[in-house]
Amino acid sequence: MEAKKQEFLQLIDRAIALSEKMQGTTSNSTEKLNTLVSELQRIKANVMSDRLQPSEGTLTLGLARAVADWVEPLNSPLLDAVGAIELYYQQQF
């Protein structure tokens, strides 16, 4: 597997782990976290099968905006994690 794909998958796995860890807290919606995990798993599957649409520096995955709409606080590690995924996607894919 290419190094950039492997690093991207690690970023996705980190965000999934953070989402799953947050599911027990009362301040975050379990439904929204489940939706995020499902989307991250879909993106991961597309990366692994070479089906992820190239960003070409312009497209985003929409993760950071979606998470920023509901996550608290806004300096949440989860928001940082999905932001890192978005940045890596735009720069490397």
PDB file of N, CA and C in Angstrom:
ATOM      1  N   MET A   1       0.836  -1.183   0.000  1.00  0.00           N
ATOM      2  CA  MET A   1       0.000   0.000   0.000  1.00  0.00           C
ATOM      3  C   MET A   1       0.879   1.243   0.000  1.00  0.00           C
ATOM      4  N   GLU A   2       0.489   2.213  -0.769  1.00  0.00           N
ATOM      5  CA  GLU A   2       1.257   3.442  -0.841  1.00  0.00           C
ATOM      6  C   GLU A   2       1.293   4.114   0.524  1.00  0.00           C
ATOM      7  N   ALA A   3       2.397   4.820   0.772  1.00  0.00           N
ATOM      8  CA  ALA A   3       2.577   5.489   2.057  1.00  0.00           C
ATOM      9  C   ALA A   3       1.483   6.520   2.319  1.00  0.00           C
ATOM     10  N   LYS A   4       1.091   7.265   1.290  1.00  0.00           N
ATOM     11  CA  LYS A   4       0.078   8.302   1.515  1.00  0.00           C
ATOM     12  C   LYS A   4      -1.284   7.695   1.839  1.00  0.00           C
ATOM     13  N   LYS A   5      -1.603   6.560   1.235  1.00  0.00           N
ATOM     14  CA  LYS A   5      -2.856   5.889   1.553  1.00  0.00           C
ATOM     15  C   LYS A   5      -2.830   5.367   2.982  1.00  0.00           C
ATOM     16  N   GLN A   6      -1.696   4.804   3.359  1.00  0.00           N
ATOM     17  CA  GLN A   6      -1.564   4.258   4.704  1.00  0.00           C
ATOM     18  C   GLN A   6      -1.698   5.370   5.752  1.00  0.00           C
ATOM     19  N   GLU A   7      -1.078   6.495   5.512  1.00  0.00           N
ATOM     20  CA  GLU A   7      -1.177   7.613   6.452  1.00  0.00           C
ATOM     21  C   GLU A   7      -2.612   8.140   6.517  1.00  0.00           C
ATOM     22  N   PHE A   8      -3.263   8.217   5.368  1.00  0.00           N
ATOM     23  CA  PHE A   8      -4.647   8.677   5.321  1.00  0.00           C
ATOM     24  C   PHE A   8      -5.546   7.726   6.111  1.00  0.00           C
ATOM     25  N   LEU A   9      -5.329   6.432   5.952  1.00  0.00           N
ATOM     26  CA  LEU A   9      -6.117   5.442   6.685  1.00  0.00           C
ATOM     27  C   LEU A   9      -5.882   5.558   8.190  1.00  0.00           C
ATOM     28  N   GLN A  10      -4.669   5.883   8.595  1.00  0.00           N
ATOM     29  CA  GLN A  10      -4.383   6.077  10.017  1.00  0.00           C
ATOM     30  C   GLN A  10      -5.142   7.281  10.564  1.00  0.00           C
ATOM     31  N   LEU A  11      -5.218   8.355   9.788  1.00  0.00           N
ATOM     32  CA  LEU A  11      -5.987   9.527  10.206  1.00  0.00           C
ATOM     33  C   LEU A  11      -7.469   9.177  10.366  1.00  0.00           C
ATOM     34  N   ILE A  12      -7.987   8.395   9.441  1.00  0.00           N
ATOM     35  CA  ILE A  12      -9.389   7.969   9.516  1.00  0.00           C
ATOM     36  C   ILE A  12      -9.613   7.093  10.740  1.00  0.00           C
ATOM     37  N   ASP A  13      -8.717   6.154  10.981  1.00  0.00           N
ATOM     38  CA  ASP A  13      -8.847   5.268  12.142  1.00  0.00           C
ATOM     39  C   ASP A  13      -8.805   6.053  13.449  1.00  0.00           C
ATOM     40  N   ARG A  14      -7.987   7.100  13.492  1.00  0.00           N
ATOM     41  CA  ARG A  14      -7.902   7.937  14.698  1.00  0.00           C
ATOM     42  C   ARG A  14      -9.245   8.639  14.932  1.00  0.00           C
ATOM     43  N   ALA A  15      -9.835   9.173  13.884  1.00  0.00           N
ATOM     44  CA  ALA A  15     -11.125   9.848  14.017  1.00  0.00           C
ATOM     45  C   ALA A  15     -12.228   8.870  14.422  1.00  0.00           C
ATOM     46  N   ILE A  16     -12.187   7.665  13.888  1.00  0.00           N
ATOM     47  CA  ILE A  16     -13.168   6.643  14.281  1.00  0.00           C
ATOM     48  C   ILE A  16     -13.022   6.320  15.760  1.00  0.00           C
ATOM     49  N   ALA A  17     -11.792   6.135  16.220  1.00  0.00           N
ATOM     50  CA  ALA A  17     -11.549   5.822  17.630  1.00  0.00           C
ATOM     51  C   ALA A  17     -12.035   6.952  18.542  1.00  0.00           C
ATOM     52  N   LEU A  18     -11.766   8.195  18.162  1.00  0.00           N
ATOM     53  CA  LEU A  18     -12.238   9.331  18.951  1.00  0.00           C
ATOM     54  C   LEU A  18     -13.763   9.389  18.990  1.00  0.00           C
ATOM     55  N   SER A  19     -14.400   9.120  17.867  1.00  0.00           N
ATOM     56  CA  SER A  19     -15.866   9.120  17.795  1.00  0.00           C
ATOM     57  C   SER A  19     -16.451   8.057  18.722  1.00  0.00           C
ATOM     58  N   GLU A  20     -15.871   6.881  18.668  1.00  0.00           N
ATOM     59  CA  GLU A  20     -16.366   5.785  19.506  1.00  0.00           C
ATOM     60  C   GLU A  20     -16.152   6.088  20.981  1.00  0.00           C
ATOM     61  N   LYS A  21     -15.069   6.739  21.312  1.00  0.00           N
ATOM     62  CA  LYS A  21     -14.785   7.115  22.702  1.00  0.00           C
ATOM     63  C   LYS A  21     -15.792   8.149  23.198  1.00  0.00           C
ATOM     64  N   MET A  22     -16.208   9.057  22.325  1.00  0.00           N
ATOM     65  CA  MET A  22     -17.144  10.117  22.688  1.00  0.00           C
ATOM     66  C   MET A  22     -18.585   9.625  22.812  1.00  0.00           C
ATOM     67  N   GLN A  23     -18.892   8.466  22.304  1.00  0.00           N
ATOM     68  CA  GLN A  23     -20.274   7.998  22.284  1.00  0.00           C
ATOM     69  C   GLN A  23     -20.861   7.820  23.680  1.00  0.00           C
ATOM     70  N   GLY A  24     -20.041   7.695  24.693  1.00  0.00           N
ATOM     71  CA  GLY A  24     -20.549   7.539  26.047  1.00  0.00           C
ATOM     72  C   GLY A  24     -20.812   8.842  26.764  1.00  0.00           C
ATOM     73  N   THR A  25     -20.472   9.964  26.164  1.00  0.00           N
ATOM     74  CA  THR A  25     -20.660  11.247  26.836  1.00  0.00           C
ATOM     75  C   THR A  25     -22.063  11.775  26.593  1.00  0.00           C
ATOM     76  N   THR A  26     -22.547  12.570  27.527  1.00  0.00           N
ATOM     77  CA  THR A  26     -23.902  13.091  27.407  1.00  0.00           C
ATOM     78  C   THR A  26     -23.982  14.332  26.532  1.00  0.00           C
ATOM     79  N   SER A  27     -22.844  15.005  26.319  1.00  0.00           N
ATOM     80  CA  SER A  27     -22.887  16.266  25.573  1.00  0.00           C
ATOM     81  C   SER A  27     -22.858  16.070  24.053  1.00  0.00           C
ATOM     82  N   ASN A  28     -22.706  14.874  23.604  1.00  0.00           N
ATOM     83  CA  ASN A  28     -22.636  14.617  22.161  1.00  0.00           C
ATOM     84  C   ASN A  28     -23.720  13.639  21.738  1.00  0.00           C
ATOM     85  N   SER A  29     -24.287  13.891  20.588  1.00  0.00           N
ATOM     86  CA  SER A  29     -25.357  13.061  20.063  1.00  0.00           C
ATOM     87  C   SER A  29     -24.820  11.736  19.538  1.00  0.00           C
ATOM     88  N   THR A  30     -25.316  10.655  20.092  1.00  0.00           N
ATOM     89  CA  THR A  30     -24.906   9.325  19.657  1.00  0.00           C
ATOM     90  C   THR A  30     -25.251   9.114  18.185  1.00  0.00           C
ATOM     91  N   GLU A  31     -26.408   9.599  17.773  1.00  0.00           N
ATOM     92  CA  GLU A  31     -26.827   9.437  16.371  1.00  0.00           C
ATOM     93  C   GLU A  31     -25.842  10.130  15.426  1.00  0.00           C
ATOM     94  N   LYS A  32     -25.436  11.333  15.773  1.00  0.00           N
ATOM     95  CA  LYS A  32     -24.494  12.063  14.923  1.00  0.00           C
ATOM     96  C   LYS A  32     -23.130  11.396  14.905  1.00  0.00           C
ATOM     97  N   LEU A  33     -22.713  10.882  16.040  1.00  0.00           N
ATOM     98  CA  LEU A  33     -21.436  10.163  16.086  1.00  0.00           C
ATOM     99  C   LEU A  33     -21.511   8.885  15.254  1.00  0.00           C
ATOM    100  N   ASN A  34     -22.623   8.171  15.335  1.00  0.00           N
ATOM    101  CA  ASN A  34     -22.799   6.953  14.528  1.00  0.00           C
ATOM    102  C   ASN A  34     -22.761   7.276  13.042  1.00  0.00           C
ATOM    103  N   THR A  35     -23.391   8.379  12.667  1.00  0.00           N
ATOM    104  CA  THR A  35     -23.386   8.809  11.266  1.00  0.00           C
ATOM    105  C   THR A  35     -21.962   9.133  10.824  1.00  0.00           C
ATOM    106  N   LEU A  36     -21.215   9.816  11.672  1.00  0.00           N
ATOM    107  CA  LEU A  36     -19.821  10.148  11.353  1.00  0.00           C
ATOM    108  C   LEU A  36     -18.993   8.887  11.189  1.00  0.00           C
ATOM    109  N   VAL A  37     -19.132   7.946  12.107  1.00  0.00           N
ATOM    110  CA  VAL A  37     -18.371   6.695  12.011  1.00  0.00           C
ATOM    111  C   VAL A  37     -18.708   5.965  10.714  1.00  0.00           C
ATOM    112  N   SER A  38     -19.978   5.919  10.359  1.00  0.00           N
ATOM    113  CA  SER A  38     -20.391   5.260   9.104  1.00  0.00           C
ATOM    114  C   SER A  38     -19.756   5.937   7.898  1.00  0.00           C
ATOM    115  N   GLU A  39     -19.748   7.263   7.895  1.00  0.00           N
ATOM    116  CA  GLU A  39     -19.156   8.003   6.780  1.00  0.00           C
ATOM    117  C   GLU A  39     -17.646   7.774   6.720  1.00  0.00           C
ATOM    118  N   LEU A  40     -17.001   7.775   7.862  1.00  0.00           N
ATOM    119  CA  LEU A  40     -15.553   7.521   7.893  1.00  0.00           C
ATOM    120  C   LEU A  40     -15.235   6.119   7.390  1.00  0.00           C
ATOM    121  N   GLN A  41     -16.052   5.152   7.768  1.00  0.00           N
ATOM    122  CA  GLN A  41     -15.841   3.778   7.290  1.00  0.00           C
ATOM    123  C   GLN A  41     -16.062   3.671   5.784  1.00  0.00           C
ATOM    124  N   ARG A  42     -17.025   4.436   5.263  1.00  0.00           N
ATOM    125  CA  ARG A  42     -17.270   4.447   3.814  1.00  0.00           C
ATOM    126  C   ARG A  42     -16.070   5.045   3.080  1.00  0.00           C
ATOM    127  N   ILE A  43     -15.561   6.145   3.607  1.00  0.00           N
ATOM    128  CA  ILE A  43     -14.384   6.781   3.001  1.00  0.00           C
ATOM    129  C   ILE A  43     -13.198   5.829   3.053  1.00  0.00           C
ATOM    130  N   LYS A  44     -13.019   5.168   4.184  1.00  0.00           N
ATOM    131  CA  LYS A  44     -11.914   4.216   4.337  1.00  0.00           C
ATOM    132  C   LYS A  44     -12.014   3.094   3.302  1.00  0.00           C
ATOM    133  N   ALA A  45     -13.212   2.563   3.113  1.00  0.00           N
ATOM    134  CA  ALA A  45     -13.406   1.492   2.126  1.00  0.00           C
ATOM    135  C   ALA A  45     -13.080   1.987   0.722  1.00  0.00           C
ATOM    136  N   ASN A  46     -13.478   3.217   0.418  1.00  0.00           N
ATOM    137  CA  ASN A  46     -13.178   3.786  -0.901  1.00  0.00           C
ATOM    138  C   ASN A  46     -11.682   3.990  -1.096  1.00  0.00           C
ATOM    139  N   VAL A  47     -10.989   4.398  -0.056  1.00  0.00           N
ATOM    140  CA  VAL A  47      -9.533   4.567  -0.153  1.00  0.00           C
ATOM    141  C   VAL A  47      -8.876   3.215  -0.409  1.00  0.00           C
ATOM    142  N   MET A  48      -9.294   2.219   0.342  1.00  0.00           N
ATOM    143  CA  MET A  48      -8.679   0.892   0.225  1.00  0.00           C
ATOM    144  C   MET A  48      -8.927   0.264  -1.142  1.00  0.00           C
ATOM    145  N   SER A  49     -10.053   0.607  -1.772  1.00  0.00           N
ATOM    146  CA  SER A  49     -10.367   0.023  -3.080  1.00  0.00           C
ATOM    147  C   SER A  49     -10.063   0.987  -4.227  1.00  0.00           C
ATOM    148  N   ASP A  50      -9.341   2.059  -3.929  1.00  0.00           N
ATOM    149  CA  ASP A  50      -8.961   3.056  -4.949  1.00  0.00           C
ATOM    150  C   ASP A  50     -10.171   3.675  -5.638  1.00  0.00           C
ATOM    151  N   ARG A  51     -11.249   3.892  -4.895  1.00  0.00           N
ATOM    152  CA  ARG A  51     -12.443   4.488  -5.471  1.00  0.00           C
ATOM    153  C   ARG A  51     -12.716   5.898  -4.945  1.00  0.00           C
ATOM    154  N   LEU A  52     -11.803   6.457  -4.161  1.00  0.00           N
ATOM    155  CA  LEU A  52     -12.013   7.795  -3.627  1.00  0.00           C
ATOM    156  C   LEU A  52     -11.770   8.821  -4.725  1.00  0.00           C
ATOM    157  N   GLN A  53     -12.753   9.683  -4.922  1.00  0.00           N
ATOM    158  CA  GLN A  53     -12.638  10.728  -5.948  1.00  0.00           C
ATOM    159  C   GLN A  53     -11.489  11.663  -5.586  1.00  0.00           C
ATOM    160  N   PRO A  54     -10.631  11.991  -6.534  1.00  0.00           N
ATOM    161  CA  PRO A  54      -9.515  12.903  -6.249  1.00  0.00           C
ATOM    162  C   PRO A  54     -10.015  14.297  -5.875  1.00  0.00           C
ATOM    163  N   SER A  55      -9.354  14.903  -4.910  1.00  0.00           N
ATOM    164  CA  SER A  55      -9.697  16.262  -4.491  1.00  0.00           C
ATOM    165  C   SER A  55      -9.151  17.290  -5.461  1.00  0.00           C
ATOM    166  N   GLU A  56      -7.968  17.011  -5.965  1.00  0.00           N
ATOM    167  CA  GLU A  56      -7.247  17.942  -6.837  1.00  0.00           C
ATOM    168  C   GLU A  56      -7.109  19.312  -6.187  1.00  0.00           C
ATOM    169  N   GLY A  57      -7.048  19.307  -4.848  1.00  0.00           N
ATOM    170  CA  GLY A  57      -6.842  20.535  -4.100  1.00  0.00           C
ATOM    171  C   GLY A  57      -8.064  21.398  -3.931  1.00  0.00           C
ATOM    172  N   THR A  58      -9.208  20.956  -4.455  1.00  0.00           N
ATOM    173  CA  THR A  58     -10.406  21.792  -4.367  1.00  0.00           C
ATOM    174  C   THR A  58     -11.572  21.121  -3.647  1.00  0.00           C
ATOM    175  N   LEU A  59     -11.794  19.845  -3.874  1.00  0.00           N
ATOM    176  CA  LEU A  59     -12.905  19.150  -3.223  1.00  0.00           C
ATOM    177  C   LEU A  59     -12.601  18.873  -1.760  1.00  0.00           C
ATOM    178  N   THR A  60     -13.656  18.820  -0.950  1.00  0.00           N
ATOM    179  CA  THR A  60     -13.518  18.395   0.441  1.00  0.00           C
ATOM    180  C   THR A  60     -14.427  17.198   0.659  1.00  0.00           C
ATOM    181  N   LEU A  61     -14.297  16.581   1.798  1.00  0.00           N
ATOM    182  CA  LEU A  61     -15.151  15.457   2.146  1.00  0.00           C
ATOM    183  C   LEU A  61     -16.375  15.921   2.932  1.00  0.00           C
ATOM    184  N   GLY A  62     -16.368  17.163   3.397  1.00  0.00           N
ATOM    185  CA  GLY A  62     -17.484  17.713   4.154  1.00  0.00           C
ATOM    186  C   GLY A  62     -17.515  17.321   5.616  1.00  0.00           C
ATOM    187  N   LEU A  63     -16.484  16.644   6.076  1.00  0.00           N
ATOM    188  CA  LEU A  63     -16.471  16.157   7.450  1.00  0.00           C
ATOM    189  C   LEU A  63     -16.337  17.274   8.475  1.00  0.00           C
ATOM    190  N   ALA A  64     -15.401  18.177   8.252  1.00  0.00           N
ATOM    191  CA  ALA A  64     -15.139  19.234   9.233  1.00  0.00           C
ATOM    192  C   ALA A  64     -16.367  20.116   9.412  1.00  0.00           C
ATOM    193  N   ARG A  65     -17.013  20.477   8.338  1.00  0.00           N
ATOM    194  CA  ARG A  65     -18.204  21.326   8.428  1.00  0.00           C
ATOM    195  C   ARG A  65     -19.319  20.595   9.167  1.00  0.00           C
ATOM    196  N   ALA A  66     -19.514  19.341   8.845  1.00  0.00           N
ATOM    197  CA  ALA A  66     -20.581  18.571   9.489  1.00  0.00           C
ATOM    198  C   ALA A  66     -20.334  18.427  10.989  1.00  0.00           C
ATOM    199  N   VAL A  67     -19.123  18.128  11.369  1.00  0.00           N
ATOM    200  CA  VAL A  67     -18.797  17.954  12.792  1.00  0.00           C
ATOM    201  C   VAL A  67     -18.855  19.289  13.527  1.00  0.00           C
ATOM    202  N   ALA A  68     -18.394  20.353  12.903  1.00  0.00           N
ATOM    203  CA  ALA A  68     -18.399  21.672  13.545  1.00  0.00           C
ATOM    204  C   ALA A  68     -19.812  22.139  13.860  1.00  0.00           C
ATOM    205  N   ASP A  69     -20.805  21.624  13.135  1.00  0.00           N
ATOM    206  CA  ASP A  69     -22.192  22.014  13.372  1.00  0.00           C
ATOM    207  C   ASP A  69     -22.721  21.545  14.724  1.00  0.00           C
ATOM    208  N   TRP A  70     -22.140  20.472  15.282  1.00  0.00           N
ATOM    209  CA  TRP A  70     -22.711  19.937  16.515  1.00  0.00           C
ATOM    210  C   TRP A  70     -21.705  19.644  17.624  1.00  0.00           C
ATOM    211  N   VAL A  71     -20.432  19.533  17.320  1.00  0.00           N
ATOM    212  CA  VAL A  71     -19.474  19.133  18.354  1.00  0.00           C
ATOM    213  C   VAL A  71     -19.213  20.293  19.313  1.00  0.00           C
ATOM    214  N   GLU A  72     -19.041  19.948  20.563  1.00  0.00           N
ATOM    215  CA  GLU A  72     -18.676  20.934  21.586  1.00  0.00           C
ATOM    216  C   GLU A  72     -17.589  20.326  22.442  1.00  0.00           C
ATOM    217  N   PRO A  73     -16.596  21.066  22.796  1.00  0.00           N
ATOM    218  CA  PRO A  73     -16.297  22.429  22.355  1.00  0.00           C
ATOM    219  C   PRO A  73     -15.695  22.427  20.948  1.00  0.00           C
ATOM    220  N   LEU A  74     -15.576  23.609  20.371  1.00  0.00           N
ATOM    221  CA  LEU A  74     -15.059  23.705  18.999  1.00  0.00           C
ATOM    222  C   LEU A  74     -13.569  23.393  18.904  1.00  0.00           C
ATOM    223  N   ASN A  75     -12.881  23.296  20.020  1.00  0.00           N
ATOM    224  CA  ASN A  75     -11.482  22.865  19.986  1.00  0.00           C
ATOM    225  C   ASN A  75     -11.376  21.377  20.342  1.00  0.00           C
ATOM    226  N   SER A  76     -12.422  20.646  20.040  1.00  0.00           N
ATOM    227  CA  SER A  76     -12.513  19.219  20.313  1.00  0.00           C
ATOM    228  C   SER A  76     -11.454  18.431  19.534  1.00  0.00           C
ATOM    229  N   PRO A  77     -10.867  17.407  20.148  1.00  0.00           N
ATOM    230  CA  PRO A  77      -9.934  16.544  19.413  1.00  0.00           C
ATOM    231  C   PRO A  77     -10.575  15.894  18.184  1.00  0.00           C
ATOM    232  N   LEU A  78     -11.877  15.637  18.250  1.00  0.00           N
ATOM    233  CA  LEU A  78     -12.565  15.042  17.096  1.00  0.00           C
ATOM    234  C   LEU A  78     -12.587  16.019  15.925  1.00  0.00           C
ATOM    235  N   LEU A  79     -12.864  17.276  16.189  1.00  0.00           N
ATOM    236  CA  LEU A  79     -12.857  18.267  15.116  1.00  0.00           C
ATOM    237  C   LEU A  79     -11.454  18.425  14.543  1.00  0.00           C
ATOM    238  N   ASP A  80     -10.450  18.383  15.397  1.00  0.00           N
ATOM    239  CA  ASP A  80      -9.066  18.419  14.920  1.00  0.00           C
ATOM    240  C   ASP A  80      -8.764  17.212  14.031  1.00  0.00           C
ATOM    241  N   ALA A  81      -9.259  16.039  14.435  1.00  0.00           N
ATOM    242  CA  ALA A  81      -9.000  14.805  13.675  1.00  0.00           C
ATOM    243  C   ALA A  81      -9.647  14.850  12.294  1.00  0.00           C
ATOM    244  N   VAL A  82     -10.905  15.291  12.222  1.00  0.00           N
ATOM    245  CA  VAL A  82     -11.548  15.346  10.904  1.00  0.00           C
ATOM    246  C   VAL A  82     -10.955  16.480  10.067  1.00  0.00           C
ATOM    247  N   GLY A  83     -10.510  17.540  10.718  1.00  0.00           N
ATOM    248  CA  GLY A  83      -9.814  18.610   9.997  1.00  0.00           C
ATOM    249  C   GLY A  83      -8.533  18.107   9.363  1.00  0.00           C
ATOM    250  N   ALA A  84      -7.809  17.241  10.092  1.00  0.00           N
ATOM    251  CA  ALA A  84      -6.583  16.654   9.562  1.00  0.00           C
ATOM    252  C   ALA A  84      -6.872  15.751   8.363  1.00  0.00           C
ATOM    253  N   ILE A  85      -7.985  15.031   8.421  1.00  0.00           N
ATOM    254  CA  ILE A  85      -8.394  14.191   7.292  1.00  0.00           C
ATOM    255  C   ILE A  85      -8.679  15.060   6.069  1.00  0.00           C
ATOM    256  N   GLU A  86      -9.434  16.126   6.264  1.00  0.00           N
ATOM    257  CA  GLU A  86      -9.766  17.037   5.159  1.00  0.00           C
ATOM    258  C   GLU A  86      -8.502  17.642   4.545  1.00  0.00           C
ATOM    259  N   LEU A  87      -7.607  18.109   5.383  1.00  0.00           N
ATOM    260  CA  LEU A  87      -6.375  18.740   4.892  1.00  0.00           C
ATOM    261  C   LEU A  87      -5.529  17.733   4.111  1.00  0.00           C
ATOM    262  N   TYR A  88      -5.373  16.541   4.658  1.00  0.00           N
ATOM    263  CA  TYR A  88      -4.574  15.516   3.988  1.00  0.00           C
ATOM    264  C   TYR A  88      -5.209  15.142   2.644  1.00  0.00           C
ATOM    265  N   TYR A  89      -6.525  15.007   2.636  1.00  0.00           N
ATOM    266  CA  TYR A  89      -7.238  14.681   1.391  1.00  0.00           C
ATOM    267  C   TYR A  89      -6.971  15.743   0.332  1.00  0.00           C
ATOM    268  N   GLN A  90      -7.099  17.001   0.705  1.00  0.00           N
ATOM    269  CA  GLN A  90      -6.889  18.084  -0.269  1.00  0.00           C
ATOM    270  C   GLN A  90      -5.446  18.162  -0.742  1.00  0.00           C
ATOM    271  N   GLN A  91      -4.500  17.873   0.115  1.00  0.00           N
ATOM    272  CA  GLN A  91      -3.082  18.008  -0.258  1.00  0.00           C
ATOM    273  C   GLN A  91      -2.524  16.773  -0.955  1.00  0.00           C
ATOM    274  N   GLN A  92      -3.051  15.601  -0.657  1.00  0.00           N
ATOM    275  CA  GLN A  92      -2.444  14.365  -1.150  1.00  0.00           C
ATOM    276  C   GLN A  92      -3.274  13.618  -2.183  1.00  0.00           C
ATOM    277  N   PHE A  93      -4.518  13.927  -2.307  1.00  0.00           N
ATOM    278  CA  PHE A  93      -5.368  13.208  -3.246  1.00  0.00           C
ATOM    279  C   PHE A  93      -5.888  14.166  -4.259  1.00  0.00           C
TER     280      PHE A  93
END
